[in-house]
Every structure is written in C-alpha cells, then in structure tokens.
Amino acid sequence: MAKIRCTSCRQEIPLGEGYVKFECPFCEETIYRCEKCRTFSHPYKCKCGFEGP
C-alpha cells in the first residue's frame, strides 16, 4: 500500500489520523492534508499549480 503524505508538509500521515482528502478543482489530483496543516491553514500546492490555504 502506498504511503499517504500531506500535500503541505510532505510528512507521512498515519492511517486513522485526522486528515482530509479531496480532489484538486482543476486537475482532479488527490490532495491530502494532515490535521496540523489544516488547523494552522498552511498553504498547499497541487502538481498542476493550483494553490490553496
């Protein structure tokens, strides 16, 4: 099984932890956000160039 990594901080996200997963609105690439990055609104950038808070 592939490891899940946060799109913002690139840290591995353990299964069962408080993370979210959603599709990029432009290219539909899956974006993962760990609980810490979501809480502190750390920016993320998709491979296509889309950026979010």
C-alpha atoms as a PDB file:
ATOM      1  CA  MET A   1       0.000   0.000   0.000  1.00  0.00           C
ATOM      2  CA  ALA A   2       1.297   3.442  -0.915  1.00  0.00           C
ATOM      3  CA  LYS A   3       2.078   5.808   1.910  1.00  0.00           C
ATOM      4  CA  ILE A   4      -0.137   8.848   2.295  1.00  0.00           C
ATOM      5  CA  ARG A   5       1.745  12.146   2.537  1.00  0.00           C
ATOM      6  CA  CYS A   6       0.414  15.591   3.382  1.00  0.00           C
ATOM      7  CA  THR A   7       0.473  17.855   0.333  1.00  0.00           C
ATOM      8  CA  SER A   8       1.561  20.812   2.518  1.00  0.00           C
ATOM      9  CA  CYS A   9       4.290  19.471   4.802  1.00  0.00           C
ATOM     10  CA  ARG A  10       5.100  16.208   2.975  1.00  0.00           C
ATOM     11  CA  GLN A  11       5.036  14.258   6.259  1.00  0.00           C
ATOM     12  CA  GLU A  12       3.633  10.734   6.203  1.00  0.00           C
ATOM     13  CA  ILE A  13       0.080  10.586   7.546  1.00  0.00           C
ATOM     14  CA  PRO A  14      -0.631   7.505   9.696  1.00  0.00           C
ATOM     15  CA  LEU A  15      -3.872   5.730   8.843  1.00  0.00           C
ATOM     16  CA  GLY A  16      -6.664   6.657  11.234  1.00  0.00           C
ATOM     17  CA  GLU A  17      -5.246  10.123  11.939  1.00  0.00           C
ATOM     18  CA  GLY A  18      -7.336  13.271  11.424  1.00  0.00           C
ATOM     19  CA  TYR A  19      -6.668  14.096   7.789  1.00  0.00           C
ATOM     20  CA  VAL A  20      -8.756  15.120   4.810  1.00  0.00           C
ATOM     21  CA  LYS A  21      -8.538  14.033   1.217  1.00  0.00           C
ATOM     22  CA  PHE A  22     -10.129  15.852  -1.705  1.00  0.00           C
ATOM     23  CA  GLU A  23      -9.684  16.338  -5.440  1.00  0.00           C
ATOM     24  CA  CYS A  24      -7.980  19.385  -6.924  1.00  0.00           C
ATOM     25  CA  PRO A  25     -10.693  21.505  -8.602  1.00  0.00           C
ATOM     26  CA  PHE A  26      -8.576  21.878 -11.767  1.00  0.00           C
ATOM     27  CA  CYS A  27      -6.896  18.517 -12.442  1.00  0.00           C
ATOM     28  CA  GLU A  28      -8.663  16.114 -10.035  1.00  0.00           C
ATOM     29  CA  GLU A  29      -5.354  15.046  -8.440  1.00  0.00           C
ATOM     30  CA  THR A  30      -5.947  13.802  -4.873  1.00  0.00           C
ATOM     31  CA  ILE A  31      -4.790  16.264  -2.215  1.00  0.00           C
ATOM     32  CA  TYR A  32      -4.143  15.106   1.347  1.00  0.00           C
ATOM     33  CA  ARG A  33      -3.982  17.492   4.299  1.00  0.00           C
ATOM     34  CA  CYS A  34      -2.830  16.473   7.777  1.00  0.00           C
ATOM     35  CA  GLU A  35      -4.631  17.749  10.856  1.00  0.00           C
ATOM     36  CA  LYS A  36      -1.795  20.129  11.804  1.00  0.00           C
ATOM     37  CA  CYS A  37      -1.640  21.801   8.371  1.00  0.00           C
ATOM     38  CA  ARG A  38      -5.431  22.159   8.262  1.00  0.00           C
ATOM     39  CA  THR A  39      -5.548  23.633  11.776  1.00  0.00           C
ATOM     40  CA  PHE A  40      -2.876  26.236  11.030  1.00  0.00           C
ATOM     41  CA  SER A  41      -4.043  26.885   7.425  1.00  0.00           C
ATOM     42  CA  HIS A  42      -0.650  26.037   5.945  1.00  0.00           C
ATOM     43  CA  PRO A  43      -0.648  26.598   2.171  1.00  0.00           C
ATOM     44  CA  TYR A  44      -0.555  23.728  -0.284  1.00  0.00           C
ATOM     45  CA  LYS A  45       0.189  23.480  -3.982  1.00  0.00           C
ATOM     46  CA  CYS A  46      -1.050  20.828  -6.387  1.00  0.00           C
ATOM     47  CA  LYS A  47       1.158  19.433  -9.151  1.00  0.00           C
ATOM     48  CA  CYS A  48      -0.904  21.422 -11.693  1.00  0.00           C
ATOM     49  CA  GLY A  49      -0.079  24.708  -9.922  1.00  0.00           C
ATOM     50  CA  PHE A  50      -3.364  25.220  -8.031  1.00  0.00           C
ATOM     51  CA  GLU A  51      -2.700  26.731  -4.589  1.00  0.00           C
ATOM     52  CA  GLY A  52      -4.894  26.807  -1.539  1.00  0.00           C
ATOM     53  CA  PRO A  53      -4.925  27.950   2.044  1.00  0.00           C
END
